[in-house]
Amino acid sequence: MHSLNTELDAEATQQLEWAKSELKAALIFARFSSTSYSTGNLQRATDARSKAKAACARAEQRLAAPEVVQVSPDSVKLIWTEVQSALADLPATKDLPARAQRAGS
C-alpha cells in the first residue's frame, strides 16, 4: 500500500511540475504576444496568443488529473492566475482587423 501511495505522489509531483512548465511557457507567450501587439506585429501577436492558450490547455489537462487535484499547490494557482490575467489584457480578436487597418495607414 505504501508503495502505491509513493507512486501516486511521484506521479502527482511530476504532473504538477509539467503543468508549471506549461504555465510558465504560456506566460512567456502571452507577454511576447502583448509586446508584438504593441509594436504592430499582428501575425506574431496572434501566433503567440495561440501558443499561450494551447500551453494553458495542456496545463489544465494535467492539473485535472485526480491525483493532482488533491495536492495542487498555491504556486500553481498563482501562475495560472498570472497567465489568465496576461491573456485577458490582450486585445480581443475581433479588434484585430481595425488595428491592422490603422497600423497600415
PDB file of N, CA and C in Angstrom:
ATOM      1  N   MET A   1       0.827  -1.191   0.000  1.00  0.00           N
ATOM      2  CA  MET A   1       0.000   0.000   0.000  1.00  0.00           C
ATOM      3  C   MET A   1       0.868   1.250   0.000  1.00  0.00           C
ATOM      4  N   HIS A   2       1.932   1.245   0.820  1.00  0.00           N
ATOM      5  CA  HIS A   2       2.830   2.391   0.905  1.00  0.00           C
ATOM      6  C   HIS A   2       3.466   2.666  -0.454  1.00  0.00           C
ATOM      7  N   SER A   3       3.842   1.606  -1.148  1.00  0.00           N
ATOM      8  CA  SER A   3       4.453   1.747  -2.465  1.00  0.00           C
ATOM      9  C   SER A   3       3.490   2.403  -3.453  1.00  0.00           C
ATOM     10  N   LEU A   4       2.209   2.039  -3.380  1.00  0.00           N
ATOM     11  CA  LEU A   4       1.201   2.628  -4.260  1.00  0.00           C
ATOM     12  C   LEU A   4       1.050   4.119  -3.982  1.00  0.00           C
ATOM     13  N   ASN A   5       1.011   4.502  -2.707  1.00  0.00           N
ATOM     14  CA  ASN A   5       0.909   5.918  -2.345  1.00  0.00           C
ATOM     15  C   ASN A   5       2.132   6.699  -2.813  1.00  0.00           C
ATOM     16  N   THR A   6       3.307   6.104  -2.675  1.00  0.00           N
ATOM     17  CA  THR A   6       4.541   6.749  -3.118  1.00  0.00           C
ATOM     18  C   THR A   6       4.523   6.938  -4.627  1.00  0.00           C
ATOM     19  N   GLU A   7       4.029   5.919  -5.341  1.00  0.00           N
ATOM     20  CA  GLU A   7       3.926   6.002  -6.792  1.00  0.00           C
ATOM     21  C   GLU A   7       2.971   7.114  -7.207  1.00  0.00           C
ATOM     22  N   LEU A   8       1.821   7.197  -6.537  1.00  0.00           N
ATOM     23  CA  LEU A   8       0.843   8.243  -6.845  1.00  0.00           C
ATOM     24  C   LEU A   8       1.410   9.625  -6.530  1.00  0.00           C
ATOM     25  N   ASP A   9       2.116   9.746  -5.419  1.00  0.00           N
ATOM     26  CA  ASP A   9       2.743  11.018  -5.067  1.00  0.00           C
ATOM     27  C   ASP A   9       3.770  11.437  -6.119  1.00  0.00           C
ATOM     28  N   ALA A  10       4.567  10.479  -6.565  1.00  0.00           N
ATOM     29  CA  ALA A  10       5.571  10.779  -7.582  1.00  0.00           C
ATOM     30  C   ALA A  10       4.897  11.203  -8.886  1.00  0.00           C
ATOM     31  N   GLU A  11       3.828  10.519  -9.252  1.00  0.00           N
ATOM     32  CA  GLU A  11       3.088  10.865 -10.472  1.00  0.00           C
ATOM     33  C   GLU A  11       2.466  12.256 -10.348  1.00  0.00           C
ATOM     34  N   ALA A  12       1.877  12.547  -9.201  1.00  0.00           N
ATOM     35  CA  ALA A  12       1.265  13.860  -8.975  1.00  0.00           C
ATOM     36  C   ALA A  12       2.323  14.957  -9.027  1.00  0.00           C
ATOM     37  N   THR A  13       3.461  14.707  -8.425  1.00  0.00           N
ATOM     38  CA  THR A  13       4.553  15.689  -8.426  1.00  0.00           C
ATOM     39  C   THR A  13       5.038  15.947  -9.840  1.00  0.00           C
ATOM     40  N   GLN A  14       5.179  14.874 -10.605  1.00  0.00           N
ATOM     41  CA  GLN A  14       5.633  15.018 -11.990  1.00  0.00           C
ATOM     42  C   GLN A  14       4.601  15.797 -12.813  1.00  0.00           C
ATOM     43  N   GLN A  15       3.332  15.479 -12.652  1.00  0.00           N
ATOM     44  CA  GLN A  15       2.274  16.194 -13.378  1.00  0.00           C
ATOM     45  C   GLN A  15       2.261  17.672 -12.995  1.00  0.00           C
ATOM     46  N   LEU A  16       2.440  17.962 -11.712  1.00  0.00           N
ATOM     47  CA  LEU A  16       2.487  19.355 -11.253  1.00  0.00           C
ATOM     48  C   LEU A  16       3.661  20.102 -11.872  1.00  0.00           C
ATOM     49  N   GLU A  17       4.810  19.473 -11.914  1.00  0.00           N
ATOM     50  CA  GLU A  17       5.989  20.122 -12.497  1.00  0.00           C
ATOM     51  C   GLU A  17       5.782  20.393 -13.985  1.00  0.00           C
ATOM     52  N   TRP A  18       5.189  19.437 -14.694  1.00  0.00           N
ATOM     53  CA  TRP A  18       4.906  19.644 -16.120  1.00  0.00           C
ATOM     54  C   TRP A  18       3.883  20.759 -16.310  1.00  0.00           C
ATOM     55  N   ALA A  19       2.880  20.784 -15.454  1.00  0.00           N
ATOM     56  CA  ALA A  19       1.864  21.837 -15.538  1.00  0.00           C
ATOM     57  C   ALA A  19       2.494  23.207 -15.281  1.00  0.00           C
ATOM     58  N   LYS A  20       3.374  23.284 -14.285  1.00  0.00           N
ATOM     59  CA  LYS A  20       4.072  24.552 -14.009  1.00  0.00           C
ATOM     60  C   LYS A  20       4.883  24.988 -15.224  1.00  0.00           C
ATOM     61  N   SER A  21       5.569  24.048 -15.839  1.00  0.00           N
ATOM     62  CA  SER A  21       6.374  24.369 -17.021  1.00  0.00           C
ATOM     63  C   SER A  21       5.496  24.879 -18.158  1.00  0.00           C
ATOM     64  N   GLU A  22       4.364  24.232 -18.349  1.00  0.00           N
ATOM     65  CA  GLU A  22       3.422  24.674 -19.388  1.00  0.00           C
ATOM     66  C   GLU A  22       2.917  26.086 -19.095  1.00  0.00           C
ATOM     67  N   LEU A  23       2.605  26.355 -17.832  1.00  0.00           N
ATOM     68  CA  LEU A  23       2.098  27.672 -17.465  1.00  0.00           C
ATOM     69  C   LEU A  23       3.172  28.744 -17.602  1.00  0.00           C
ATOM     70  N   LYS A  24       4.394  28.410 -17.276  1.00  0.00           N
ATOM     71  CA  LYS A  24       5.488  29.374 -17.452  1.00  0.00           C
ATOM     72  C   LYS A  24       5.693  29.680 -18.936  1.00  0.00           C
ATOM     73  N   ALA A  25       5.602  28.657 -19.775  1.00  0.00           N
ATOM     74  CA  ALA A  25       5.701  28.873 -21.220  1.00  0.00           C
ATOM     75  C   ALA A  25       4.533  29.730 -21.708  1.00  0.00           C
ATOM     76  N   ALA A  26       3.347  29.459 -21.200  1.00  0.00           N
ATOM     77  CA  ALA A  26       2.169  30.240 -21.588  1.00  0.00           C
ATOM     78  C   ALA A  26       2.350  31.707 -21.212  1.00  0.00           C
ATOM     79  N   LEU A  27       2.927  31.958 -20.057  1.00  0.00           N
ATOM     80  CA  LEU A  27       3.157  33.336 -19.622  1.00  0.00           C
ATOM     81  C   LEU A  27       4.162  34.032 -20.539  1.00  0.00           C
ATOM     82  N   ILE A  28       5.192  33.332 -20.923  1.00  0.00           N
ATOM     83  CA  ILE A  28       6.176  33.899 -21.857  1.00  0.00           C
ATOM     84  C   ILE A  28       5.503  34.233 -23.189  1.00  0.00           C
ATOM     85  N   PHE A  29       4.701  33.303 -23.704  1.00  0.00           N
ATOM     86  CA  PHE A  29       4.000  33.556 -24.968  1.00  0.00           C
ATOM     87  C   PHE A  29       3.012  34.711 -24.844  1.00  0.00           C
ATOM     88  N   ALA A  30       2.307  34.802 -23.730  1.00  0.00           N
ATOM     89  CA  ALA A  30       1.344  35.896 -23.536  1.00  0.00           C
ATOM     90  C   ALA A  30       2.068  37.242 -23.497  1.00  0.00           C
ATOM     91  N   ARG A  31       3.183  37.287 -22.818  1.00  0.00           N
ATOM     92  CA  ARG A  31       3.964  38.537 -22.764  1.00  0.00           C
ATOM     93  C   ARG A  31       4.530  38.891 -24.134  1.00  0.00           C
ATOM     94  N   PHE A  32       5.012  37.891 -24.850  1.00  0.00           N
ATOM     95  CA  PHE A  32       5.522  38.122 -26.205  1.00  0.00           C
ATOM     96  C   PHE A  32       4.398  38.628 -27.104  1.00  0.00           C
ATOM     97  N   SER A  33       3.226  38.053 -26.953  1.00  0.00           N
ATOM     98  CA  SER A  33       2.072  38.482 -27.733  1.00  0.00           C
ATOM     99  C   SER A  33       1.757  39.950 -27.448  1.00  0.00           C
ATOM    100  N   SER A  34       1.766  40.323 -26.190  1.00  0.00           N
ATOM    101  CA  SER A  34       1.495  41.701 -25.798  1.00  0.00           C
ATOM    102  C   SER A  34       2.507  42.660 -26.429  1.00  0.00           C
ATOM    103  N   THR A  35       3.770  42.293 -26.368  1.00  0.00           N
ATOM    104  CA  THR A  35       4.822  43.119 -26.968  1.00  0.00           C
ATOM    105  C   THR A  35       4.630  43.209 -28.478  1.00  0.00           C
ATOM    106  N   SER A  36       4.279  42.111 -29.092  1.00  0.00           N
ATOM    107  CA  SER A  36       4.069  42.102 -30.543  1.00  0.00           C
ATOM    108  C   SER A  36       2.885  42.969 -30.938  1.00  0.00           C
ATOM    109  N   TYR A  37       1.805  42.921 -30.154  1.00  0.00           N
ATOM    110  CA  TYR A  37       0.666  43.802 -30.426  1.00  0.00           C
ATOM    111  C   TYR A  37       1.101  45.261 -30.345  1.00  0.00           C
ATOM    112  N   SER A  38       1.869  45.588 -29.314  1.00  0.00           N
ATOM    113  CA  SER A  38       2.241  46.987 -29.108  1.00  0.00           C
ATOM    114  C   SER A  38       3.181  47.509 -30.190  1.00  0.00           C
ATOM    115  N   THR A  39       3.920  46.614 -30.841  1.00  0.00           N
ATOM    116  CA  THR A  39       4.810  47.042 -31.927  1.00  0.00           C
ATOM    117  C   THR A  39       4.162  46.880 -33.292  1.00  0.00           C
ATOM    118  N   GLY A  40       2.904  46.420 -33.305  1.00  0.00           N
ATOM    119  CA  GLY A  40       2.170  46.311 -34.563  1.00  0.00           C
ATOM    120  C   GLY A  40       2.407  45.032 -35.341  1.00  0.00           C
ATOM    121  N   ASN A  41       3.101  44.077 -34.755  1.00  0.00           N
ATOM    122  CA  ASN A  41       3.344  42.817 -35.453  1.00  0.00           C
ATOM    123  C   ASN A  41       2.216  41.850 -35.117  1.00  0.00           C
ATOM    124  N   LEU A  42       1.114  41.985 -35.839  1.00  0.00           N
ATOM    125  CA  LEU A  42      -0.100  41.246 -35.507  1.00  0.00           C
ATOM    126  C   LEU A  42       0.012  39.748 -35.750  1.00  0.00           C
ATOM    127  N   GLN A  43       0.770  39.347 -36.757  1.00  0.00           N
ATOM    128  CA  GLN A  43       0.915  37.910 -37.021  1.00  0.00           C
ATOM    129  C   GLN A  43       1.625  37.220 -35.856  1.00  0.00           C
ATOM    130  N   ARG A  44       2.718  37.795 -35.411  1.00  0.00           N
ATOM    131  CA  ARG A  44       3.443  37.217 -34.269  1.00  0.00           C
ATOM    132  C   ARG A  44       2.591  37.265 -33.008  1.00  0.00           C
ATOM    133  N   ALA A  45       1.844  38.353 -32.854  1.00  0.00           N
ATOM    134  CA  ALA A  45       0.994  38.502 -31.666  1.00  0.00           C
ATOM    135  C   ALA A  45      -0.065  37.407 -31.609  1.00  0.00           C
ATOM    136  N   THR A  46      -0.730  37.166 -32.734  1.00  0.00           N
ATOM    137  CA  THR A  46      -1.779  36.146 -32.739  1.00  0.00           C
ATOM    138  C   THR A  46      -1.189  34.742 -32.619  1.00  0.00           C
ATOM    139  N   ASP A  47      -0.031  34.514 -33.228  1.00  0.00           N
ATOM    140  CA  ASP A  47       0.630  33.210 -33.098  1.00  0.00           C
ATOM    141  C   ASP A  47       1.010  32.936 -31.635  1.00  0.00           C
ATOM    142  N   ALA A  48       1.578  33.939 -30.988  1.00  0.00           N
ATOM    143  CA  ALA A  48       1.989  33.773 -29.587  1.00  0.00           C
ATOM    144  C   ALA A  48       0.779  33.583 -28.684  1.00  0.00           C
ATOM    145  N   ARG A  49      -0.290  34.316 -28.967  1.00  0.00           N
ATOM    146  CA  ARG A  49      -1.518  34.153 -28.174  1.00  0.00           C
ATOM    147  C   ARG A  49      -2.037  32.719 -28.308  1.00  0.00           C
ATOM    148  N   SER A  50      -2.035  32.204 -29.516  1.00  0.00           N
ATOM    149  CA  SER A  50      -2.500  30.840 -29.764  1.00  0.00           C
ATOM    150  C   SER A  50      -1.642  29.823 -29.011  1.00  0.00           C
ATOM    151  N   LYS A  51      -0.338  30.024 -29.025  1.00  0.00           N
ATOM    152  CA  LYS A  51       0.565  29.116 -28.311  1.00  0.00           C
ATOM    153  C   LYS A  51       0.350  29.205 -26.805  1.00  0.00           C
ATOM    154  N   ALA A  52       0.094  30.405 -26.302  1.00  0.00           N
ATOM    155  CA  ALA A  52      -0.174  30.575 -24.874  1.00  0.00           C
ATOM    156  C   ALA A  52      -1.440  29.828 -24.476  1.00  0.00           C
ATOM    157  N   LYS A  53      -2.469  29.941 -25.291  1.00  0.00           N
ATOM    158  CA  LYS A  53      -3.727  29.251 -24.987  1.00  0.00           C
ATOM    159  C   LYS A  53      -3.552  27.735 -25.051  1.00  0.00           C
ATOM    160  N   ALA A  54      -2.772  27.269 -26.012  1.00  0.00           N
ATOM    161  CA  ALA A  54      -2.532  25.822 -26.121  1.00  0.00           C
ATOM    162  C   ALA A  54      -1.759  25.306 -24.905  1.00  0.00           C
ATOM    163  N   ALA A  55      -0.766  26.060 -24.462  1.00  0.00           N
ATOM    164  CA  ALA A  55       0.000  25.660 -23.274  1.00  0.00           C
ATOM    165  C   ALA A  55      -0.901  25.650 -22.040  1.00  0.00           C
ATOM    166  N   CYS A  56      -1.805  26.615 -21.945  1.00  0.00           N
ATOM    167  CA  CYS A  56      -2.764  26.640 -20.824  1.00  0.00           C
ATOM    168  C   CYS A  56      -3.659  25.411 -20.851  1.00  0.00           C
ATOM    169  N   ALA A  57      -4.110  25.045 -22.031  1.00  0.00           N
ATOM    170  CA  ALA A  57      -4.977  23.871 -22.159  1.00  0.00           C
ATOM    171  C   ALA A  57      -4.248  22.606 -21.722  1.00  0.00           C
ATOM    172  N   ARG A  58      -2.972  22.483 -22.109  1.00  0.00           N
ATOM    173  CA  ARG A  58      -2.191  21.307 -21.686  1.00  0.00           C
ATOM    174  C   ARG A  58      -2.004  21.302 -20.170  1.00  0.00           C
ATOM    175  N   ALA A  59      -1.715  22.462 -19.604  1.00  0.00           N
ATOM    176  CA  ALA A  59      -1.548  22.549 -18.149  1.00  0.00           C
ATOM    177  C   ALA A  59      -2.844  22.210 -17.439  1.00  0.00           C
ATOM    178  N   GLU A  60      -3.946  22.726 -17.951  1.00  0.00           N
ATOM    179  CA  GLU A  60      -5.254  22.464 -17.344  1.00  0.00           C
ATOM    180  C   GLU A  60      -5.566  20.974 -17.360  1.00  0.00           C
ATOM    181  N   GLN A  61      -5.212  20.327 -18.448  1.00  0.00           N
ATOM    182  CA  GLN A  61      -5.448  18.880 -18.552  1.00  0.00           C
ATOM    183  C   GLN A  61      -4.622  18.128 -17.501  1.00  0.00           C
ATOM    184  N   ARG A  62      -3.384  18.532 -17.309  1.00  0.00           N
ATOM    185  CA  ARG A  62      -2.533  17.886 -16.307  1.00  0.00           C
ATOM    186  C   ARG A  62      -3.060  18.143 -14.894  1.00  0.00           C
ATOM    187  N   LEU A  63      -3.513  19.364 -14.654  1.00  0.00           N
ATOM    188  CA  LEU A  63      -3.995  19.728 -13.319  1.00  0.00           C
ATOM    189  C   LEU A  63      -5.329  19.070 -12.981  1.00  0.00           C
ATOM    190  N   ALA A  64      -6.036  18.586 -13.990  1.00  0.00           N
ATOM    191  CA  ALA A  64      -7.335  17.963 -13.764  1.00  0.00           C
ATOM    192  C   ALA A  64      -7.225  16.503 -13.332  1.00  0.00           C
ATOM    193  N   ALA A  65      -6.031  15.934 -13.422  1.00  0.00           N
ATOM    194  CA  ALA A  65      -5.849  14.541 -13.009  1.00  0.00           C
ATOM    195  C   ALA A  65      -6.195  14.404 -11.525  1.00  0.00           C
ATOM    196  N   PRO A  66      -6.934  13.349 -11.173  1.00  0.00           N
ATOM    197  CA  PRO A  66      -7.395  13.185  -9.779  1.00  0.00           C
ATOM    198  C   PRO A  66      -6.283  13.250  -8.745  1.00  0.00           C
ATOM    199  N   GLU A  67      -5.140  12.647  -9.043  1.00  0.00           N
ATOM    200  CA  GLU A  67      -4.053  12.643  -8.065  1.00  0.00           C
ATOM    201  C   GLU A  67      -3.435  14.028  -7.899  1.00  0.00           C
ATOM    202  N   VAL A  68      -3.598  14.885  -8.899  1.00  0.00           N
ATOM    203  CA  VAL A  68      -3.035  16.231  -8.841  1.00  0.00           C
ATOM    204  C   VAL A  68      -4.008  17.207  -8.182  1.00  0.00           C
ATOM    205  N   VAL A  69      -5.286  17.016  -8.427  1.00  0.00           N
ATOM    206  CA  VAL A  69      -6.307  17.918  -7.879  1.00  0.00           C
ATOM    207  C   VAL A  69      -6.174  18.025  -6.364  1.00  0.00           C
ATOM    208  N   GLN A  70      -5.865  16.928  -5.721  1.00  0.00           N
ATOM    209  CA  GLN A  70      -5.788  16.898  -4.259  1.00  0.00           C
ATOM    210  C   GLN A  70      -4.579  17.649  -3.708  1.00  0.00           C
ATOM    211  N   VAL A  71      -3.522  17.776  -4.493  1.00  0.00           N
ATOM    212  CA  VAL A  71      -2.285  18.371  -3.974  1.00  0.00           C
ATOM    213  C   VAL A  71      -1.881  19.660  -4.683  1.00  0.00           C
ATOM    214  N   SER A  72      -2.735  20.198  -5.522  1.00  0.00           N
ATOM    215  CA  SER A  72      -2.402  21.392  -6.301  1.00  0.00           C
ATOM    216  C   SER A  72      -1.996  22.556  -5.386  1.00  0.00           C
ATOM    217  N   PRO A  73      -0.713  22.926  -5.419  1.00  0.00           N
ATOM    218  CA  PRO A  73      -0.228  23.967  -4.510  1.00  0.00           C
ATOM    219  C   PRO A  73      -0.589  25.384  -4.970  1.00  0.00           C
ATOM    220  N   ASP A  74      -0.455  26.304  -4.050  1.00  0.00           N
ATOM    221  CA  ASP A  74      -0.765  27.699  -4.346  1.00  0.00           C
ATOM    222  C   ASP A  74       0.137  28.272  -5.430  1.00  0.00           C
ATOM    223  N   SER A  75       1.363  27.779  -5.543  1.00  0.00           N
ATOM    224  CA  SER A  75       2.279  28.305  -6.557  1.00  0.00           C
ATOM    225  C   SER A  75       1.728  28.089  -7.966  1.00  0.00           C
ATOM    226  N   VAL A  76       1.089  26.943  -8.190  1.00  0.00           N
ATOM    227  CA  VAL A  76       0.491  26.673  -9.496  1.00  0.00           C
ATOM    228  C   VAL A  76      -0.705  27.589  -9.718  1.00  0.00           C
ATOM    229  N   LYS A  77      -1.504  27.773  -8.694  1.00  0.00           N
ATOM    230  CA  LYS A  77      -2.673  28.649  -8.805  1.00  0.00           C
ATOM    231  C   LYS A  77      -2.247  30.083  -9.097  1.00  0.00           C
ATOM    232  N   LEU A  78      -1.142  30.501  -8.495  1.00  0.00           N
ATOM    233  CA  LEU A  78      -0.630  31.853  -8.711  1.00  0.00           C
ATOM    234  C   LEU A  78      -0.186  32.047 -10.163  1.00  0.00           C
ATOM    235  N   ILE A  79       0.557  31.083 -10.688  1.00  0.00           N
ATOM    236  CA  ILE A  79       0.994  31.167 -12.084  1.00  0.00           C
ATOM    237  C   ILE A  79      -0.220  31.144 -13.009  1.00  0.00           C
ATOM    238  N   TRP A  80      -1.188  30.276 -12.718  1.00  0.00           N
ATOM    239  CA  TRP A  80      -2.410  30.184 -13.526  1.00  0.00           C
ATOM    240  C   TRP A  80      -3.109  31.546 -13.582  1.00  0.00           C
ATOM    241  N   THR A  81      -3.245  32.182 -12.438  1.00  0.00           N
ATOM    242  CA  THR A  81      -3.903  33.485 -12.363  1.00  0.00           C
ATOM    243  C   THR A  81      -3.131  34.526 -13.161  1.00  0.00           C
ATOM    244  N   GLU A  82      -1.824  34.491 -13.068  1.00  0.00           N
ATOM    245  CA  GLU A  82      -0.985  35.447 -13.801  1.00  0.00           C
ATOM    246  C   GLU A  82      -1.131  35.257 -15.312  1.00  0.00           C
ATOM    247  N   VAL A  83      -1.160  34.017 -15.760  1.00  0.00           N
ATOM    248  CA  VAL A  83      -1.325  33.728 -17.188  1.00  0.00           C
ATOM    249  C   VAL A  83      -2.699  34.201 -17.672  1.00  0.00           C
ATOM    250  N   GLN A  84      -3.730  33.879 -16.915  1.00  0.00           N
ATOM    251  CA  GLN A  84      -5.084  34.286 -17.312  1.00  0.00           C
ATOM    252  C   GLN A  84      -5.212  35.804 -17.379  1.00  0.00           C
ATOM    253  N   SER A  85      -4.574  36.487 -16.455  1.00  0.00           N
ATOM    254  CA  SER A  85      -4.593  37.949 -16.447  1.00  0.00           C
ATOM    255  C   SER A  85      -3.868  38.511 -17.673  1.00  0.00           C
ATOM    256  N   ALA A  86      -2.715  37.927 -17.988  1.00  0.00           N
ATOM    257  CA  ALA A  86      -1.947  38.377 -19.158  1.00  0.00           C
ATOM    258  C   ALA A  86      -2.738  38.157 -20.441  1.00  0.00           C
ATOM    259  N   LEU A  87      -3.412  37.009 -20.546  1.00  0.00           N
ATOM    260  CA  LEU A  87      -4.223  36.741 -21.740  1.00  0.00           C
ATOM    261  C   LEU A  87      -5.421  37.680 -21.816  1.00  0.00           C
ATOM    262  N   ALA A  88      -6.016  37.982 -20.676  1.00  0.00           N
ATOM    263  CA  ALA A  88      -7.181  38.870 -20.656  1.00  0.00           C
ATOM    264  C   ALA A  88      -6.803  40.293 -21.061  1.00  0.00           C
ATOM    265  N   ASP A  89      -5.560  40.681 -20.832  1.00  0.00           N
ATOM    266  CA  ASP A  89      -5.106  42.026 -21.185  1.00  0.00           C
ATOM    267  C   ASP A  89      -4.829  42.199 -22.674  1.00  0.00           C
ATOM    268  N   LEU A  90      -4.757  41.089 -23.403  1.00  0.00           N
ATOM    269  CA  LEU A  90      -4.501  41.178 -24.843  1.00  0.00           C
ATOM    270  C   LEU A  90      -5.740  41.701 -25.558  1.00  0.00           C
ATOM    271  N   PRO A  91      -5.547  42.405 -26.675  1.00  0.00           N
ATOM    272  CA  PRO A  91      -6.702  42.894 -27.430  1.00  0.00           C
ATOM    273  C   PRO A  91      -7.584  41.739 -27.890  1.00  0.00           C
ATOM    274  N   ALA A  92      -8.854  41.988 -27.964  1.00  0.00           N
ATOM    275  CA  ALA A  92      -9.795  40.969 -28.434  1.00  0.00           C
ATOM    276  C   ALA A  92      -9.536  40.683 -29.908  1.00  0.00           C
ATOM    277  N   THR A  93      -9.728  39.444 -30.295  1.00  0.00           N
ATOM    278  CA  THR A  93      -9.504  39.047 -31.682  1.00  0.00           C
ATOM    279  C   THR A  93     -10.363  39.862 -32.638  1.00  0.00           C
ATOM    280  N   LYS A  94     -11.574  40.195 -32.229  1.00  0.00           N
ATOM    281  CA  LYS A  94     -12.471  40.958 -33.111  1.00  0.00           C
ATOM    282  C   LYS A  94     -11.939  42.359 -33.377  1.00  0.00           C
ATOM    283  N   ASP A  95     -11.027  42.858 -32.535  1.00  0.00           N
ATOM    284  CA  ASP A  95     -10.452  44.185 -32.723  1.00  0.00           C
ATOM    285  C   ASP A  95      -9.285  44.192 -33.706  1.00  0.00           C
ATOM    286  N   LEU A  96      -8.803  43.034 -34.095  1.00  0.00           N
ATOM    287  CA  LEU A  96      -7.604  42.968 -34.920  1.00  0.00           C
ATOM    288  C   LEU A  96      -7.742  43.606 -36.300  1.00  0.00           C
ATOM    289  N   PRO A  97      -8.798  43.370 -37.062  1.00  0.00           N
ATOM    290  CA  PRO A  97      -8.853  43.996 -38.383  1.00  0.00           C
ATOM    291  C   PRO A  97      -8.778  45.521 -38.310  1.00  0.00           C
ATOM    292  N   ALA A  98      -9.452  46.128 -37.379  1.00  0.00           N
ATOM    293  CA  ALA A  98      -9.407  47.581 -37.239  1.00  0.00           C
ATOM    294  C   ALA A  98      -7.991  48.021 -36.868  1.00  0.00           C
ATOM    295  N   ARG A  99      -7.350  47.292 -35.993  1.00  0.00           N
ATOM    296  CA  ARG A  99      -5.979  47.632 -35.611  1.00  0.00           C
ATOM    297  C   ARG A  99      -5.050  47.513 -36.810  1.00  0.00           C
ATOM    298  N   ALA A 100      -5.234  46.465 -37.616  1.00  0.00           N
ATOM    299  CA  ALA A 100      -4.386  46.244 -38.771  1.00  0.00           C
ATOM    300  C   ALA A 100      -4.558  47.382 -39.781  1.00  0.00           C
ATOM    301  N   GLN A 101      -5.787  47.831 -39.955  1.00  0.00           N
ATOM    302  CA  GLN A 101      -6.038  48.938 -40.879  1.00  0.00           C
ATOM    303  C   GLN A 101      -5.362  50.202 -40.385  1.00  0.00           C
ATOM    304  N   ARG A 102      -5.471  50.479 -39.087  1.00  0.00           N
ATOM    305  CA  ARG A 102      -4.835  51.674 -38.529  1.00  0.00           C
ATOM    306  C   ARG A 102      -3.319  51.576 -38.618  1.00  0.00           C
ATOM    307  N   ALA A 103      -2.790  50.382 -38.402  1.00  0.00           N
ATOM    308  CA  ALA A 103      -1.337  50.209 -38.466  1.00  0.00           C
ATOM    309  C   ALA A 103      -0.821  50.423 -39.883  1.00  0.00           C
ATOM    310  N   GLY A 104      -1.619  50.052 -40.864  1.00  0.00           N
ATOM    311  CA  GLY A 104      -1.229  50.205 -42.258  1.00  0.00           C
ATOM    312  C   GLY A 104      -1.379  51.618 -42.772  1.00  0.00           C
ATOM    313  N   SER A 105      -2.084  52.478 -42.056  1.00  0.00           N
ATOM    314  CA  SER A 105      -2.312  53.856 -42.521  1.00  0.00           C
ATOM    315  C   SER A 105      -1.100  54.715 -42.367  1.00  0.00           C
TER     316      SER A 105
END
